[in-house]
Protein backbone atom coordinates (compact mmCIF):
# COMPACT_ATOMS: atom_id res chain seq x y z
CA MET A 1 0.01 0.05 -0.27
CA LYS A 2 2.89 2.35 0.82
CA HIS A 3 3.93 2.41 -3.31
CA SER A 4 0.64 2.91 -4.38
CA ASN A 5 0.35 5.82 -1.69
CA ASP A 6 4.12 6.87 -2.89
CA ILE A 7 3.07 6.76 -6.50
CA LEU A 8 -0.74 8.51 -5.91
CA ASN A 9 0.90 11.89 -3.80
CA ASP A 10 3.07 12.27 -6.42
CA LEU A 11 0.51 12.47 -8.86
CA VAL A 12 -1.09 15.01 -6.52
CA SER A 13 2.14 16.73 -5.99
CA THR A 14 2.48 17.62 -10.11
CA THR A 15 -1.45 17.86 -9.97
CA ARG A 16 -1.00 21.06 -7.67
CA ASP A 17 1.65 22.32 -9.80
CA GLY A 18 -0.96 22.48 -12.82
CA ILE A 19 -3.54 24.26 -10.35
CA GLU A 20 -0.91 26.72 -9.03
CA PHE A 21 0.82 27.97 -12.61
CA TYR A 22 -3.20 27.99 -13.73
CA GLN A 23 -4.04 30.21 -11.01
CA HIS A 24 -0.97 32.97 -11.76
CA ALA A 25 -1.00 32.61 -15.39
CA ALA A 26 -5.21 33.47 -15.03
CA THR A 27 -3.77 36.79 -12.94
CA LYS A 28 -0.81 37.69 -16.08
CA VAL A 29 -2.94 37.80 -18.87
CA ARG A 30 -5.60 39.58 -20.15
CA ASN A 31 -7.50 37.87 -22.60
CA PRO A 32 -10.75 37.00 -20.94
CA GLU A 33 -11.31 33.81 -23.25
CA LEU A 34 -7.73 32.75 -21.90
CA LYS A 35 -7.76 33.88 -18.25
CA ALA A 36 -12.03 31.70 -18.37
CA LEU A 37 -10.06 28.44 -19.86
CA PHE A 38 -7.06 28.77 -17.24
CA LEU A 39 -9.28 28.93 -14.13
CA ARG A 40 -11.68 26.12 -15.09
CA LEU A 41 -8.77 23.87 -16.18
CA ALA A 42 -7.06 24.88 -12.56
CA THR A 43 -11.08 23.80 -10.49
CA VAL A 44 -10.43 20.16 -12.69
CA LYS A 45 -6.76 19.52 -11.50
CA ALA A 46 -8.41 20.74 -8.16
CA ASP A 47 -11.16 18.02 -8.38
CA ILE A 48 -8.51 15.51 -9.55
CA VAL A 49 -6.11 16.33 -6.48
CA GLN A 50 -9.02 15.67 -4.42
CA GLU A 51 -10.06 12.28 -5.81
CA LEU A 52 -6.69 10.66 -5.41
CA ALA A 53 -6.56 12.91 -1.38
CA GLN A 54 -9.36 10.75 -0.57
CA GLU A 55 -7.78 7.92 -2.13
CA ILE A 56 -4.82 8.07 -0.48
CA ARG A 57 -7.12 9.21 2.75
CA GLY A 58 -8.84 5.66 2.33
CA THR A 59 -6.23 3.92 3.48
CA GLY A 60 -4.86 5.61 6.34
CA ASP A 61 -1.83 7.87 4.84
CA LYS A 62 -2.31 11.65 4.35
CA PRO A 63 -1.71 13.02 0.91
CA THR A 64 1.07 15.77 0.82
CA GLN A 65 0.04 19.56 0.46
CA SER A 66 2.95 20.68 -2.06
CA GLY A 67 3.63 20.64 -5.35
CA THR A 68 7.45 19.90 -7.20
CA TRP A 69 10.11 21.63 -6.99
CA SER A 70 9.99 21.28 -11.05
CA GLY A 71 6.37 22.72 -10.94
CA ASP A 72 8.26 25.64 -8.88
CA PHE A 73 10.60 26.13 -11.63
CA ARG A 74 8.05 25.47 -14.79
CA ARG A 75 5.68 28.95 -13.68
CA PHE A 76 9.20 30.69 -13.19
CA TYR A 77 10.35 29.99 -16.56
CA GLY A 78 6.80 30.71 -18.14
CA GLU A 79 7.12 34.04 -15.96
CA ILE A 80 10.51 35.20 -17.85
CA ARG A 81 8.98 34.14 -21.15
CA ALA A 82 6.15 35.74 -20.93
CA HIS A 83 8.18 39.39 -20.20
CA LEU A 84 10.26 38.26 -23.54
CA GLY A 85 7.14 37.81 -25.68
CA ASP A 86 3.68 36.87 -26.86
CA LYS A 87 2.76 36.12 -22.75
CA ASN A 88 -0.25 34.43 -24.44
CA TYR A 89 1.97 32.28 -26.30
CA ALA A 90 4.36 32.19 -23.61
CA TYR A 91 1.44 31.28 -20.61
CA VAL A 92 0.01 28.59 -23.28
CA ALA A 93 3.14 26.77 -24.16
CA GLN A 94 4.49 26.02 -20.79
CA LEU A 95 0.92 25.11 -20.25
CA GLU A 96 1.55 23.21 -22.23
CA GLU A 97 4.42 21.19 -21.26
CA SER A 98 2.94 21.30 -17.82
CA GLU A 99 0.08 19.30 -19.50
CA ASP A 100 2.55 17.10 -21.06
CA GLN A 101 4.63 16.39 -17.79
CA LEU A 102 0.73 14.91 -15.65
CA LEU A 103 0.03 13.02 -18.31
CA LYS A 104 3.51 11.09 -19.13
CA ALA A 105 2.97 10.98 -14.90
CA PHE A 106 -0.04 9.05 -15.18
CA GLU A 107 0.49 6.88 -17.92
CA ARG A 108 4.01 6.08 -15.50
CA ALA A 109 1.71 5.32 -12.59
CA LEU A 110 -0.83 3.42 -14.97
CA ASN A 111 1.38 0.91 -15.98
CA ASP A 112 3.73 0.69 -12.71
CA GLU A 113 3.42 -3.22 -11.76
CA GLU A 114 3.69 -2.55 -8.35
CA LEU A 115 0.69 -0.33 -7.92
CA SER A 116 -2.21 -1.99 -6.22
CA SER A 117 -5.87 -2.81 -8.38
CA HIS A 118 -7.59 -0.10 -7.16
CA ALA A 119 -5.28 2.79 -7.07
CA ARG A 120 -4.59 2.26 -10.83
CA THR A 121 -8.91 1.74 -11.52
CA VAL A 122 -8.10 4.83 -9.89
CA ILE A 123 -5.76 6.32 -12.25
CA ALA A 124 -7.52 5.01 -14.54
CA ARG A 125 -10.97 6.39 -14.16
CA LEU A 126 -8.89 9.81 -14.34
CA LEU A 127 -7.17 9.57 -17.09
CA PRO A 128 -9.04 10.38 -19.77
CA GLU A 129 -9.59 13.79 -17.64
CA VAL A 130 -5.69 14.10 -17.78
CA ARG A 131 -5.42 13.62 -21.32
CA SER A 132 -8.71 16.31 -21.98
CA CYS A 133 -6.52 18.71 -20.29
CA HIS A 134 -3.90 18.44 -22.41
CA ASP A 135 -5.50 17.87 -25.59
CA ILE A 136 -7.18 21.71 -25.02
CA MET A 137 -3.96 23.44 -23.98
CA ARG A 138 -2.05 21.58 -27.31
CA ALA A 139 -4.79 22.63 -29.58
CA GLN A 140 -4.98 26.22 -27.73
CA LYS A 141 -0.85 26.08 -28.24
CA SER A 142 -1.31 25.52 -31.82
CA ALA A 143 -4.16 27.82 -32.25
CA LEU A 144 -1.72 30.89 -31.27
CA LYS A 145 0.86 29.88 -33.04
CA LYS A 146 -1.18 29.63 -36.12
CA ALA A 147 -2.62 33.01 -35.17
CA ALA A 148 0.81 33.99 -34.86
C-alpha cells in the first residue's frame, strides 16, 4: 500500500503544480477567454487532487499538501518567457508542457506493476480527464502559433 500511496502522492504534487500555474497565469493574461480557460482547468485539476487525496486518506495515510520543485521552475520559466515575448503564447506553451508532464506521470503510474489494483482503477478513471486537459492546451498552443 505504501508504494501505491507514494505514486498517488506524486500525482497529487504534480497536479497541484498545474493548479497553481493555471491560477497564476490567469492573473497575468489579459485575454478573457484564456483567463476563463485557465481558471476552468485549475478547477479540473483541483477535482483530480481531491479524488487522489480521498483515495490516499482512505488507506489511513495523509496526502501531500505541496507541489514539486520542477513545477516551481516551470512557473518561473513561464514568467520569464512572458516578459520576453507574447504573454499569451508564453503561458499557454508552458502550461502545455506542464500538461505533457502530468499526462506522462499518469501513464507511468498506470503502468507501474507494483501499483495496487484499487489505485490503478482510480488512476484509469482520472486519466481521460488528464488527457482532455492536455489536448485542450495542445490545441490552444497550436491555434496561437498559427495566429502569430
